[in-house]
Amino acid sequence: MNYIEEQIISIGKIRIENHLADIGIDAVKEEIIKGLCAPEKYISSKFFYDEKGSRLFEQITQLDEYYPTRTEKSILSTFIKNANINFQNLSIIELGSGDSSKIKLLLKQIPVELLKSIRYFPVDISQSAILKSSEELIKEFDLESITGIVADFVHQFSVLPKAGKRLFCFFGSTIGNFTKKEQNRFITELGNEMQTGDAFLLGMDMVKDITVLENAYNDIKGVTAAFNKNILNVINLLCNANFNVDDFEHIAFYNQAENRIEMHLKALKEMDISLNSGLDTLHFIKGEKIHTENSHKFTDKDVEIIGEYGNFHLKNVFTDKNKWFKLVYFEKK
């Protein structure tokens, strides 16, 4: 993540625009410190994805216990034949793009003659992830162009491309990381951003057996634990702090009342943490937790609610044989 200055990188058909500088490092620090000083401490899950965090998450998606990625990919690999999407001169905007593996499954199903007219816009907070995935894609697909947008898209809708016919993709059930209030606000703002005829392809992880859910976030190899703890390394860098990841334990459980997995970091001892190179101090008691992620699971009613908030028309729903995961295709009214 580079919040220091706006950068533009151009490599052939690839262009990367870094808009994180528009937010500013001081605002980022303020957001983090506000969460850590709250009565129930928290850190936004968007700070998971530095270069190491992105690598760890890629490893998570390969784990036996972690069903969401492979299930969504199985749907993505065949859905287009029933989706009725016109790909001619289409701008595909992938929010929270991460690695290229999912968008590849979509692009592989598009006729070669149509690929040449497609503009792809990966949007993510990690510049390194965007650059890596863009280089992979441009080698494999003859797209018109790739413009990577490094941004916090939740707060920076203004940097998204405006022209032409657009397909917004939001995979991985990342929408589940938001609180219900944040989900509703995000969908409303996205709906306001979209024009009549634009489309929205949304991945949603559905409510299912609690054992399946909890195992997915407590893998036996400890990769998810390492991913969760690494957020402290990111905070150290951004806020000049001195967290030691070994002083915290990974905790993940299903909150049935809220239909969500919660991830926390639990302090293993009483300690004081230095922030802003020692100008501020944060006190932890033993057992105190930092809430690092929610992963809400959805019902069919939730699909309807999202359509209402975005003023979308529900065109189709694609799912797996277990109905564990759904890929929902909306069009803007």
C-alpha atoms as a PDB file:
ATOM      1  CA  MET A   1       0.000   0.000   0.000  1.00  0.00           C
ATOM      2  CA  ASN A   2       1.342   3.417  -0.892  1.00  0.00           C
ATOM      3  CA  TYR A   3      -0.505   6.314   0.700  1.00  0.00           C
ATOM      4  CA  ILE A   4       2.346   8.757   0.275  1.00  0.00           C
ATOM      5  CA  GLU A   5       2.023   9.992  -3.308  1.00  0.00           C
ATOM      6  CA  GLU A   6      -0.014   9.307  -6.405  1.00  0.00           C
ATOM      7  CA  GLN A   7       1.791   7.068  -8.852  1.00  0.00           C
ATOM      8  CA  ILE A   8       1.125   6.248 -12.480  1.00  0.00           C
ATOM      9  CA  ILE A   9       2.729   3.192 -14.061  1.00  0.00           C
ATOM     10  CA  SER A  10       2.406   2.468 -17.805  1.00  0.00           C
ATOM     11  CA  ILE A  11       3.568  -0.818 -19.330  1.00  0.00           C
ATOM     12  CA  GLY A  12       2.226  -1.444 -22.842  1.00  0.00           C
ATOM     13  CA  LYS A  13      -1.544  -1.916 -22.553  1.00  0.00           C
ATOM     14  CA  ILE A  14      -1.348  -1.739 -18.744  1.00  0.00           C
ATOM     15  CA  ARG A  15      -1.801   1.488 -16.809  1.00  0.00           C
ATOM     16  CA  ILE A  16      -1.842   1.638 -12.993  1.00  0.00           C
ATOM     17  CA  GLU A  17      -3.256   4.706 -11.228  1.00  0.00           C
ATOM     18  CA  ASN A  18      -2.650   5.040  -7.485  1.00  0.00           C
ATOM     19  CA  HIS A  19      -5.353   7.186  -5.871  1.00  0.00           C
ATOM     20  CA  LEU A  20      -4.605   6.330  -2.239  1.00  0.00           C
ATOM     21  CA  ALA A  21      -2.677   9.579  -1.985  1.00  0.00           C
ATOM     22  CA  ASP A  22      -6.022  11.344  -2.405  1.00  0.00           C
ATOM     23  CA  ILE A  23      -7.018   9.971   1.010  1.00  0.00           C
ATOM     24  CA  GLY A  24      -3.721  10.875   2.664  1.00  0.00           C
ATOM     25  CA  ILE A  25      -1.665   9.063   5.268  1.00  0.00           C
ATOM     26  CA  ASP A  26      -2.941  11.252   8.120  1.00  0.00           C
ATOM     27  CA  ALA A  27      -6.550  10.252   7.432  1.00  0.00           C
ATOM     28  CA  VAL A  28      -5.517   6.587   7.301  1.00  0.00           C
ATOM     29  CA  LYS A  29      -3.725   6.848  10.651  1.00  0.00           C
ATOM     30  CA  GLU A  30      -6.730   8.608  12.143  1.00  0.00           C
ATOM     31  CA  GLU A  31      -9.056   5.823  10.991  1.00  0.00           C
ATOM     32  CA  ILE A  32      -6.813   3.113  12.452  1.00  0.00           C
ATOM     33  CA  ILE A  33      -6.231   4.855  15.780  1.00  0.00           C
ATOM     34  CA  LYS A  34      -9.948   5.595  16.140  1.00  0.00           C
ATOM     35  CA  GLY A  35     -10.652   1.875  15.879  1.00  0.00           C
ATOM     36  CA  LEU A  36      -7.905   0.858  18.291  1.00  0.00           C
ATOM     37  CA  CYS A  37      -9.085   3.409  20.868  1.00  0.00           C
ATOM     38  CA  ALA A  38     -12.742   2.355  20.664  1.00  0.00           C
ATOM     39  CA  PRO A  39     -14.317   0.629  23.726  1.00  0.00           C
ATOM     40  CA  GLU A  40     -14.263  -2.594  21.670  1.00  0.00           C
ATOM     41  CA  LYS A  41     -11.056  -2.343  19.652  1.00  0.00           C
ATOM     42  CA  TYR A  42     -11.188  -3.004  15.902  1.00  0.00           C
ATOM     43  CA  ILE A  43      -9.142  -2.688  12.709  1.00  0.00           C
ATOM     44  CA  SER A  44     -10.793  -2.558   9.277  1.00  0.00           C
ATOM     45  CA  SER A  45     -10.249  -5.757   7.296  1.00  0.00           C
ATOM     46  CA  LYS A  46      -9.110  -3.700   4.274  1.00  0.00           C
ATOM     47  CA  PHE A  47      -5.718  -3.398   6.010  1.00  0.00           C
ATOM     48  CA  PHE A  48      -5.092  -7.152   5.646  1.00  0.00           C
ATOM     49  CA  TYR A  49      -3.899  -6.763   2.093  1.00  0.00           C
ATOM     50  CA  ASP A  50      -0.324  -5.605   1.974  1.00  0.00           C
ATOM     51  CA  GLU A  51       1.965  -7.713  -0.228  1.00  0.00           C
ATOM     52  CA  LYS A  52       2.435 -10.420   2.435  1.00  0.00           C
ATOM     53  CA  GLY A  53      -1.258 -10.410   3.347  1.00  0.00           C
ATOM     54  CA  SER A  54      -2.229 -10.876  -0.297  1.00  0.00           C
ATOM     55  CA  ARG A  55       0.152 -13.850  -0.574  1.00  0.00           C
ATOM     56  CA  LEU A  56      -1.243 -15.412   2.585  1.00  0.00           C
ATOM     57  CA  PHE A  57      -4.801 -14.998   1.376  1.00  0.00           C
ATOM     58  CA  GLU A  58      -3.900 -16.748  -1.880  1.00  0.00           C
ATOM     59  CA  GLN A  59      -2.643 -19.648   0.258  1.00  0.00           C
ATOM     60  CA  ILE A  60      -5.902 -19.634   2.238  1.00  0.00           C
ATOM     61  CA  THR A  61      -7.901 -20.056  -0.961  1.00  0.00           C
ATOM     62  CA  GLN A  62      -6.009 -23.320  -1.632  1.00  0.00           C
ATOM     63  CA  LEU A  63      -6.813 -24.869   1.754  1.00  0.00           C
ATOM     64  CA  ASP A  64      -9.104 -27.895   1.997  1.00  0.00           C
ATOM     65  CA  GLU A  65     -11.187 -26.228   4.713  1.00  0.00           C
ATOM     66  CA  TYR A  66     -11.727 -22.991   2.804  1.00  0.00           C
ATOM     67  CA  TYR A  67     -14.676 -23.758   0.516  1.00  0.00           C
ATOM     68  CA  PRO A  68     -15.740 -20.220  -0.649  1.00  0.00           C
ATOM     69  CA  THR A  69     -13.099 -19.661  -3.328  1.00  0.00           C
ATOM     70  CA  ARG A  70     -13.262 -23.054  -5.012  1.00  0.00           C
ATOM     71  CA  THR A  71     -17.066 -23.060  -4.848  1.00  0.00           C
ATOM     72  CA  GLU A  72     -17.366 -19.604  -6.390  1.00  0.00           C
ATOM     73  CA  LYS A  73     -14.822 -20.542  -9.052  1.00  0.00           C
ATOM     74  CA  SER A  74     -16.811 -23.635  -9.978  1.00  0.00           C
ATOM     75  CA  ILE A  75     -19.817 -21.366 -10.612  1.00  0.00           C
ATOM     76  CA  LEU A  76     -17.776 -18.725 -12.446  1.00  0.00           C
ATOM     77  CA  SER A  77     -16.266 -21.288 -14.813  1.00  0.00           C
ATOM     78  CA  THR A  78     -19.600 -22.118 -16.493  1.00  0.00           C
ATOM     79  CA  PHE A  79     -22.166 -19.393 -15.735  1.00  0.00           C
ATOM     80  CA  ILE A  80     -21.726 -17.195 -18.822  1.00  0.00           C
ATOM     81  CA  LYS A  81     -23.613 -19.495 -21.198  1.00  0.00           C
ATOM     82  CA  ASN A  82     -26.768 -18.762 -19.174  1.00  0.00           C
ATOM     83  CA  ALA A  83     -26.026 -15.146 -18.205  1.00  0.00           C
ATOM     84  CA  ASN A  84     -26.978 -13.327 -21.422  1.00  0.00           C
ATOM     85  CA  ILE A  85     -24.220 -10.694 -21.139  1.00  0.00           C
ATOM     86  CA  ASN A  86     -23.321  -8.530 -24.138  1.00  0.00           C
ATOM     87  CA  PHE A  87     -19.527  -8.227 -23.969  1.00  0.00           C
ATOM     88  CA  GLN A  88     -19.058  -5.971 -27.018  1.00  0.00           C
ATOM     89  CA  ASN A  89     -17.159  -2.799 -25.970  1.00  0.00           C
ATOM     90  CA  LEU A  90     -17.720  -3.631 -22.302  1.00  0.00           C
ATOM     91  CA  SER A  91     -15.846  -2.110 -19.376  1.00  0.00           C
ATOM     92  CA  ILE A  92     -15.394  -4.751 -16.669  1.00  0.00           C
ATOM     93  CA  ILE A  93     -14.750  -3.155 -13.268  1.00  0.00           C
ATOM     94  CA  GLU A  94     -13.669  -5.639 -10.604  1.00  0.00           C
ATOM     95  CA  LEU A  95     -13.918  -4.237  -7.070  1.00  0.00           C
ATOM     96  CA  GLY A  96     -11.424  -5.712  -4.600  1.00  0.00           C
ATOM     97  CA  SER A  97      -9.756  -7.557  -7.456  1.00  0.00           C
ATOM     98  CA  GLY A  98      -6.893  -9.262  -5.574  1.00  0.00           C
ATOM     99  CA  ASP A  99      -5.364 -12.003  -7.744  1.00  0.00           C
ATOM    100  CA  SER A 100      -6.386 -12.714 -11.343  1.00  0.00           C
ATOM    101  CA  SER A 101      -7.745 -16.238 -10.901  1.00  0.00           C
ATOM    102  CA  LYS A 102     -11.462 -15.375 -10.839  1.00  0.00           C
ATOM    103  CA  ILE A 103     -11.544 -12.826 -13.629  1.00  0.00           C
ATOM    104  CA  LYS A 104      -9.590 -15.329 -15.763  1.00  0.00           C
ATOM    105  CA  LEU A 105     -12.468 -17.787 -15.450  1.00  0.00           C
ATOM    106  CA  LEU A 106     -14.844 -15.135 -16.768  1.00  0.00           C
ATOM    107  CA  LEU A 107     -12.562 -13.983 -19.597  1.00  0.00           C
ATOM    108  CA  LYS A 108     -11.890 -17.556 -20.790  1.00  0.00           C
ATOM    109  CA  GLN A 109     -15.577 -17.911 -21.670  1.00  0.00           C
ATOM    110  CA  ILE A 110     -15.698 -14.785 -23.856  1.00  0.00           C
ATOM    111  CA  PRO A 111     -15.174 -15.248 -27.620  1.00  0.00           C
ATOM    112  CA  VAL A 112     -11.728 -14.089 -28.755  1.00  0.00           C
ATOM    113  CA  GLU A 113     -13.150 -11.537 -31.204  1.00  0.00           C
ATOM    114  CA  LEU A 114     -15.030  -9.824 -28.343  1.00  0.00           C
ATOM    115  CA  LEU A 115     -12.061  -9.798 -25.941  1.00  0.00           C
ATOM    116  CA  LYS A 116     -10.317  -7.214 -28.142  1.00  0.00           C
ATOM    117  CA  SER A 117     -13.046  -4.682 -27.349  1.00  0.00           C
ATOM    118  CA  ILE A 118     -13.042  -5.207 -23.570  1.00  0.00           C
ATOM    119  CA  ARG A 119     -11.477  -2.779 -21.104  1.00  0.00           C
ATOM    120  CA  TYR A 120     -10.673  -4.257 -17.710  1.00  0.00           C
ATOM    121  CA  PHE A 121     -10.382  -2.140 -14.542  1.00  0.00           C
ATOM    122  CA  PRO A 122      -9.120  -4.007 -11.457  1.00  0.00           C
ATOM    123  CA  VAL A 123      -9.729  -1.919  -8.313  1.00  0.00           C
ATOM    124  CA  ASP A 124      -7.885  -2.818  -5.123  1.00  0.00           C
ATOM    125  CA  ILE A 125      -6.032  -1.303  -2.177  1.00  0.00           C
ATOM    126  CA  SER A 126      -2.871  -3.288  -3.043  1.00  0.00           C
ATOM    127  CA  GLN A 127      -0.835  -1.893  -5.936  1.00  0.00           C
ATOM    128  CA  SER A 128       1.453  -4.938  -6.009  1.00  0.00           C
ATOM    129  CA  ALA A 129      -1.536  -7.285  -6.365  1.00  0.00           C
ATOM    130  CA  ILE A 130      -3.005  -5.219  -9.216  1.00  0.00           C
ATOM    131  CA  LEU A 131       0.297  -5.040 -11.094  1.00  0.00           C
ATOM    132  CA  LYS A 132       0.946  -8.782 -10.730  1.00  0.00           C
ATOM    133  CA  SER A 133      -2.538  -9.782 -11.875  1.00  0.00           C
ATOM    134  CA  SER A 134      -2.541  -7.274 -14.756  1.00  0.00           C
ATOM    135  CA  GLU A 135       0.751  -8.636 -16.104  1.00  0.00           C
ATOM    136  CA  GLU A 136      -0.618 -12.184 -15.947  1.00  0.00           C
ATOM    137  CA  LEU A 137      -3.837 -11.248 -17.728  1.00  0.00           C
ATOM    138  CA  ILE A 138      -2.246  -9.237 -20.547  1.00  0.00           C
ATOM    139  CA  LYS A 139      -0.034 -12.234 -21.391  1.00  0.00           C
ATOM    140  CA  GLU A 140      -3.038 -14.542 -21.668  1.00  0.00           C
ATOM    141  CA  PHE A 141      -5.809 -12.358 -23.105  1.00  0.00           C
ATOM    142  CA  ASP A 142      -5.898  -9.907 -25.999  1.00  0.00           C
ATOM    143  CA  LEU A 143      -7.846  -7.205 -24.151  1.00  0.00           C
ATOM    144  CA  GLU A 144      -8.145  -3.641 -25.429  1.00  0.00           C
ATOM    145  CA  SER A 145      -6.558  -2.350 -22.213  1.00  0.00           C
ATOM    146  CA  ILE A 146      -6.113  -2.849 -18.473  1.00  0.00           C
ATOM    147  CA  THR A 147      -6.279   0.157 -16.169  1.00  0.00           C
ATOM    148  CA  GLY A 148      -5.551  -0.743 -12.564  1.00  0.00           C
ATOM    149  CA  ILE A 149      -7.036   1.582  -9.964  1.00  0.00           C
ATOM    150  CA  VAL A 150      -5.353   1.554  -6.561  1.00  0.00           C
ATOM    151  CA  ALA A 151      -8.010   2.955  -4.254  1.00  0.00           C
ATOM    152  CA  ASP A 152     -10.250   2.417  -1.251  1.00  0.00           C
ATOM    153  CA  PHE A 153     -13.270   1.951  -3.478  1.00  0.00           C
ATOM    154  CA  VAL A 154     -15.696   2.085  -0.549  1.00  0.00           C
ATOM    155  CA  HIS A 155     -14.825   5.775  -0.124  1.00  0.00           C
ATOM    156  CA  GLN A 156     -13.543   6.605  -3.610  1.00  0.00           C
ATOM    157  CA  PHE A 157     -16.372   5.914  -6.048  1.00  0.00           C
ATOM    158  CA  SER A 158     -15.348   9.073  -7.881  1.00  0.00           C
ATOM    159  CA  VAL A 159     -12.228   7.402  -9.327  1.00  0.00           C
ATOM    160  CA  LEU A 160     -14.166   4.612 -11.063  1.00  0.00           C
ATOM    161  CA  PRO A 161     -14.482   4.842 -14.872  1.00  0.00           C
ATOM    162  CA  LYS A 162     -17.693   6.545 -16.003  1.00  0.00           C
ATOM    163  CA  ALA A 163     -17.919   6.050 -19.757  1.00  0.00           C
ATOM    164  CA  GLY A 164     -19.469   3.232 -21.732  1.00  0.00           C
ATOM    165  CA  LYS A 165     -21.370   0.113 -20.799  1.00  0.00           C
ATOM    166  CA  ARG A 166     -20.102  -1.304 -17.489  1.00  0.00           C
ATOM    167  CA  LEU A 167     -20.149  -4.637 -15.684  1.00  0.00           C
ATOM    168  CA  PHE A 168     -19.238  -4.279 -11.989  1.00  0.00           C
ATOM    169  CA  CYS A 169     -17.888  -7.469 -10.396  1.00  0.00           C
ATOM    170  CA  PHE A 170     -17.592  -7.951  -6.643  1.00  0.00           C
ATOM    171  CA  PHE A 171     -16.464 -11.513  -5.990  1.00  0.00           C
ATOM    172  CA  GLY A 172     -15.454 -13.509  -2.929  1.00  0.00           C
ATOM    173  CA  SER A 173     -18.457 -12.470  -0.831  1.00  0.00           C
ATOM    174  CA  THR A 174     -16.304  -9.503   0.168  1.00  0.00           C
ATOM    175  CA  ILE A 175     -19.521  -7.610   0.754  1.00  0.00           C
ATOM    176  CA  GLY A 176     -19.888  -9.822   3.822  1.00  0.00           C
ATOM    177  CA  ASN A 177     -16.944  -8.012   5.427  1.00  0.00           C
ATOM    178  CA  PHE A 178     -19.123  -4.919   5.841  1.00  0.00           C
ATOM    179  CA  THR A 179     -21.566  -4.383   8.687  1.00  0.00           C
ATOM    180  CA  LYS A 180     -25.217  -4.474   7.608  1.00  0.00           C
ATOM    181  CA  LYS A 181     -25.328  -0.674   7.734  1.00  0.00           C
ATOM    182  CA  GLU A 182     -22.164  -0.459   5.619  1.00  0.00           C
ATOM    183  CA  GLN A 183     -23.561  -3.026   3.164  1.00  0.00           C
ATOM    184  CA  ASN A 184     -26.734  -1.012   2.674  1.00  0.00           C
ATOM    185  CA  ARG A 185     -24.820   2.249   2.251  1.00  0.00           C
ATOM    186  CA  PHE A 186     -22.332   0.670  -0.175  1.00  0.00           C
ATOM    187  CA  ILE A 187     -25.052  -0.885  -2.334  1.00  0.00           C
ATOM    188  CA  THR A 188     -27.026   2.383  -2.349  1.00  0.00           C
ATOM    189  CA  GLU A 189     -23.951   4.354  -3.440  1.00  0.00           C
ATOM    190  CA  LEU A 190     -23.030   1.766  -6.068  1.00  0.00           C
ATOM    191  CA  GLY A 191     -26.589   1.874  -7.372  1.00  0.00           C
ATOM    192  CA  ASN A 192     -26.363   5.661  -7.589  1.00  0.00           C
ATOM    193  CA  GLU A 193     -23.058   5.349  -9.456  1.00  0.00           C
ATOM    194  CA  MET A 194     -24.462   2.869 -11.995  1.00  0.00           C
ATOM    195  CA  GLN A 195     -26.432   3.913 -15.082  1.00  0.00           C
ATOM    196  CA  THR A 196     -29.454   2.174 -16.548  1.00  0.00           C
ATOM    197  CA  GLY A 197     -28.226  -0.945 -18.353  1.00  0.00           C
ATOM    198  CA  ASP A 198     -25.056  -1.333 -16.273  1.00  0.00           C
ATOM    199  CA  ALA A 199     -24.749  -4.748 -14.617  1.00  0.00           C
ATOM    200  CA  PHE A 200     -23.528  -6.010 -11.253  1.00  0.00           C
ATOM    201  CA  LEU A 201     -22.180  -9.513 -10.619  1.00  0.00           C
ATOM    202  CA  LEU A 202     -22.037 -10.220  -6.877  1.00  0.00           C
ATOM    203  CA  GLY A 203     -20.589 -13.238  -5.045  1.00  0.00           C
ATOM    204  CA  MET A 204     -22.485 -14.145  -1.850  1.00  0.00           C
ATOM    205  CA  ASP A 205     -21.548 -16.829   0.695  1.00  0.00           C
ATOM    206  CA  MET A 206     -24.734 -18.372   2.037  1.00  0.00           C
ATOM    207  CA  VAL A 207     -25.744 -19.469   5.550  1.00  0.00           C
ATOM    208  CA  LYS A 208     -24.845 -23.145   6.103  1.00  0.00           C
ATOM    209  CA  ASP A 209     -23.709 -25.678   8.718  1.00  0.00           C
ATOM    210  CA  ILE A 210     -21.755 -23.967  11.516  1.00  0.00           C
ATOM    211  CA  THR A 211     -19.002 -26.614  11.536  1.00  0.00           C
ATOM    212  CA  VAL A 212     -18.287 -26.002   7.849  1.00  0.00           C
ATOM    213  CA  LEU A 213     -18.161 -22.256   8.467  1.00  0.00           C
ATOM    214  CA  GLU A 214     -15.893 -22.343  11.525  1.00  0.00           C
ATOM    215  CA  ASN A 215     -13.478 -24.864   9.986  1.00  0.00           C
ATOM    216  CA  ALA A 216     -13.030 -22.564   6.989  1.00  0.00           C
ATOM    217  CA  TYR A 217     -11.564 -19.845   9.245  1.00  0.00           C
ATOM    218  CA  ASN A 218      -9.583 -22.107  11.603  1.00  0.00           C
ATOM    219  CA  ASP A 219      -7.454 -24.176   9.233  1.00  0.00           C
ATOM    220  CA  ILE A 220      -5.201 -26.825  10.702  1.00  0.00           C
ATOM    221  CA  LYS A 221      -2.081 -25.388   8.999  1.00  0.00           C
ATOM    222  CA  GLY A 222      -2.522 -22.007  10.702  1.00  0.00           C
ATOM    223  CA  VAL A 223      -2.449 -19.984   7.481  1.00  0.00           C
ATOM    224  CA  THR A 224      -5.547 -17.992   8.457  1.00  0.00           C
ATOM    225  CA  ALA A 225      -3.988 -17.290  11.845  1.00  0.00           C
ATOM    226  CA  ALA A 226      -0.851 -15.924  10.138  1.00  0.00           C
ATOM    227  CA  PHE A 227      -3.027 -13.848   7.791  1.00  0.00           C
ATOM    228  CA  ASN A 228      -4.989 -12.408  10.721  1.00  0.00           C
ATOM    229  CA  LYS A 229      -1.867 -11.572  12.730  1.00  0.00           C
ATOM    230  CA  ASN A 230      -0.138  -9.945   9.751  1.00  0.00           C
ATOM    231  CA  ILE A 231      -2.585  -7.041   9.955  1.00  0.00           C
ATOM    232  CA  LEU A 232      -0.557  -5.915  12.992  1.00  0.00           C
ATOM    233  CA  ASN A 233       2.560  -5.656  10.802  1.00  0.00           C
ATOM    234  CA  VAL A 234       0.598  -3.391   8.460  1.00  0.00           C
ATOM    235  CA  ILE A 235      -0.485  -1.215  11.385  1.00  0.00           C
ATOM    236  CA  ASN A 236       3.124  -1.043  12.595  1.00  0.00           C
ATOM    237  CA  LEU A 237       4.138   0.362   9.220  1.00  0.00           C
ATOM    238  CA  LEU A 238       1.244   2.792   8.802  1.00  0.00           C
ATOM    239  CA  CYS A 239       1.097   4.072  12.383  1.00  0.00           C
ATOM    240  CA  ASN A 240       4.710   3.716  13.545  1.00  0.00           C
ATOM    241  CA  ALA A 241       3.536   1.182  16.143  1.00  0.00           C
ATOM    242  CA  ASN A 242       5.330  -1.694  17.877  1.00  0.00           C
ATOM    243  CA  PHE A 243       2.855  -4.592  17.875  1.00  0.00           C
ATOM    244  CA  ASN A 244       4.434  -8.048  18.210  1.00  0.00           C
ATOM    245  CA  VAL A 245       2.299 -10.631  16.403  1.00  0.00           C
ATOM    246  CA  ASP A 246       3.440 -13.338  18.844  1.00  0.00           C
ATOM    247  CA  ASP A 247       1.663 -11.490  21.665  1.00  0.00           C
ATOM    248  CA  PHE A 248      -1.740 -12.205  20.074  1.00  0.00           C
ATOM    249  CA  GLU A 249      -3.827 -15.294  19.380  1.00  0.00           C
ATOM    250  CA  HIS A 250      -6.064 -15.827  16.332  1.00  0.00           C
ATOM    251  CA  ILE A 251      -9.738 -16.338  17.229  1.00  0.00           C
ATOM    252  CA  ALA A 252     -12.531 -17.098  14.719  1.00  0.00           C
ATOM    253  CA  PHE A 253     -16.103 -18.180  15.473  1.00  0.00           C
ATOM    254  CA  TYR A 254     -19.630 -18.033  14.051  1.00  0.00           C
ATOM    255  CA  ASN A 255     -21.961 -15.479  15.593  1.00  0.00           C
ATOM    256  CA  GLN A 256     -25.317 -17.089  14.851  1.00  0.00           C
ATOM    257  CA  ALA A 257     -27.380 -14.089  15.936  1.00  0.00           C
ATOM    258  CA  GLU A 258     -25.638 -11.918  13.316  1.00  0.00           C
ATOM    259  CA  ASN A 259     -25.152 -14.664  10.672  1.00  0.00           C
ATOM    260  CA  ARG A 260     -21.431 -13.954  10.510  1.00  0.00           C
ATOM    261  CA  ILE A 261     -17.992 -15.340  11.152  1.00  0.00           C
ATOM    262  CA  GLU A 262     -15.987 -13.004  13.373  1.00  0.00           C
ATOM    263  CA  MET A 263     -12.189 -12.877  13.452  1.00  0.00           C
ATOM    264  CA  HIS A 264     -10.352 -11.383  16.408  1.00  0.00           C
ATOM    265  CA  LEU A 265      -6.837 -11.106  17.790  1.00  0.00           C
ATOM    266  CA  LYS A 266      -6.698 -11.851  21.522  1.00  0.00           C
ATOM    267  CA  ALA A 267      -3.941 -10.363  23.700  1.00  0.00           C
ATOM    268  CA  LEU A 268      -1.974 -13.121  25.447  1.00  0.00           C
ATOM    269  CA  LYS A 269      -0.686 -10.768  28.153  1.00  0.00           C
ATOM    270  CA  GLU A 270      -1.127  -7.269  29.521  1.00  0.00           C
ATOM    271  CA  MET A 271       0.877  -4.784  27.482  1.00  0.00           C
ATOM    272  CA  ASP A 272       1.290  -1.213  26.289  1.00  0.00           C
ATOM    273  CA  ILE A 273       1.615  -0.541  22.563  1.00  0.00           C
ATOM    274  CA  SER A 274       3.403   2.524  21.234  1.00  0.00           C
ATOM    275  CA  LEU A 275       1.742   4.478  18.415  1.00  0.00           C
ATOM    276  CA  ASN A 276       3.098   7.410  16.405  1.00  0.00           C
ATOM    277  CA  SER A 277       6.681   6.551  17.360  1.00  0.00           C
ATOM    278  CA  GLY A 278       5.852   6.722  21.068  1.00  0.00           C
ATOM    279  CA  LEU A 279       3.719   9.853  21.092  1.00  0.00           C
ATOM    280  CA  ASP A 280       0.634   7.776  21.971  1.00  0.00           C
ATOM    281  CA  THR A 281       0.240   4.619  24.047  1.00  0.00           C
ATOM    282  CA  LEU A 282      -2.434   1.944  23.789  1.00  0.00           C
ATOM    283  CA  HIS A 283      -3.068  -0.313  26.794  1.00  0.00           C
ATOM    284  CA  PHE A 284      -4.190  -3.938  26.523  1.00  0.00           C
ATOM    285  CA  ILE A 285      -5.301  -6.195  29.340  1.00  0.00           C
ATOM    286  CA  LYS A 286      -4.744  -9.940  29.008  1.00  0.00           C
ATOM    287  CA  GLY A 287      -7.550 -11.502  26.986  1.00  0.00           C
ATOM    288  CA  GLU A 288      -8.634  -8.233  25.362  1.00  0.00           C
ATOM    289  CA  LYS A 289      -9.517  -8.595  21.693  1.00  0.00           C
ATOM    290  CA  ILE A 290      -9.130  -6.610  18.480  1.00  0.00           C
ATOM    291  CA  HIS A 291     -11.989  -7.295  16.056  1.00  0.00           C
ATOM    292  CA  THR A 292     -10.354  -7.627  12.620  1.00  0.00           C
ATOM    293  CA  GLU A 293     -13.026  -9.052  10.340  1.00  0.00           C
ATOM    294  CA  ASN A 294     -16.685  -9.894   9.898  1.00  0.00           C
ATOM    295  CA  SER A 295     -17.718 -12.333   7.200  1.00  0.00           C
ATOM    296  CA  HIS A 296     -21.489 -12.220   6.977  1.00  0.00           C
ATOM    297  CA  LYS A 297     -23.331 -15.157   5.452  1.00  0.00           C
ATOM    298  CA  PHE A 298     -26.459 -14.532   3.447  1.00  0.00           C
ATOM    299  CA  THR A 299     -29.996 -15.784   2.851  1.00  0.00           C
ATOM    300  CA  ASP A 300     -32.270 -15.485  -0.166  1.00  0.00           C
ATOM    301  CA  LYS A 301     -33.999 -12.613   1.605  1.00  0.00           C
ATOM    302  CA  ASP A 302     -30.657 -10.766   1.739  1.00  0.00           C
ATOM    303  CA  VAL A 303     -30.401 -11.071  -2.064  1.00  0.00           C
ATOM    304  CA  GLU A 304     -33.781  -9.322  -2.361  1.00  0.00           C
ATOM    305  CA  ILE A 305     -32.751  -6.582   0.080  1.00  0.00           C
ATOM    306  CA  ILE A 306     -29.564  -5.826  -1.860  1.00  0.00           C
ATOM    307  CA  GLY A 307     -31.606  -5.490  -5.046  1.00  0.00           C
ATOM    308  CA  GLU A 308     -33.922  -3.020  -3.323  1.00  0.00           C
ATOM    309  CA  TYR A 309     -31.123  -0.829  -1.925  1.00  0.00           C
ATOM    310  CA  GLY A 310     -29.359  -0.634  -5.286  1.00  0.00           C
ATOM    311  CA  ASN A 311     -32.533  -0.199  -7.335  1.00  0.00           C
ATOM    312  CA  PHE A 312     -31.442  -3.295  -9.268  1.00  0.00           C
ATOM    313  CA  HIS A 313     -33.408  -5.782 -11.313  1.00  0.00           C
ATOM    314  CA  LEU A 314     -32.515  -9.367 -10.343  1.00  0.00           C
ATOM    315  CA  LYS A 315     -31.740 -11.076 -13.661  1.00  0.00           C
ATOM    316  CA  ASN A 316     -30.355 -14.426 -12.554  1.00  0.00           C
ATOM    317  CA  VAL A 317     -28.832 -16.421  -9.684  1.00  0.00           C
ATOM    318  CA  PHE A 318     -26.160 -19.077 -10.224  1.00  0.00           C
ATOM    319  CA  THR A 319     -25.229 -21.560  -7.502  1.00  0.00           C
ATOM    320  CA  ASP A 320     -23.471 -24.862  -6.758  1.00  0.00           C
ATOM    321  CA  LYS A 321     -25.136 -28.208  -6.081  1.00  0.00           C
ATOM    322  CA  ASN A 322     -24.986 -27.645  -2.292  1.00  0.00           C
ATOM    323  CA  LYS A 323     -26.247 -24.058  -2.601  1.00  0.00           C
ATOM    324  CA  TRP A 324     -23.325 -22.961  -0.422  1.00  0.00           C
ATOM    325  CA  PHE A 325     -22.455 -19.962  -2.586  1.00  0.00           C
ATOM    326  CA  LYS A 326     -24.380 -17.808  -5.041  1.00  0.00           C
ATOM    327  CA  LEU A 327     -23.314 -15.599  -7.927  1.00  0.00           C
ATOM    328  CA  VAL A 328     -26.064 -13.017  -8.332  1.00  0.00           C
ATOM    329  CA  TYR A 329     -26.512 -11.072 -11.571  1.00  0.00           C
ATOM    330  CA  PHE A 330     -28.275  -7.708 -11.282  1.00  0.00           C
ATOM    331  CA  GLU A 331     -28.970  -5.002 -13.844  1.00  0.00           C
ATOM    332  CA  LYS A 332     -29.527  -1.359 -12.992  1.00  0.00           C
ATOM    333  CA  LYS A 333     -33.138  -0.300 -13.578  1.00  0.00           C
END
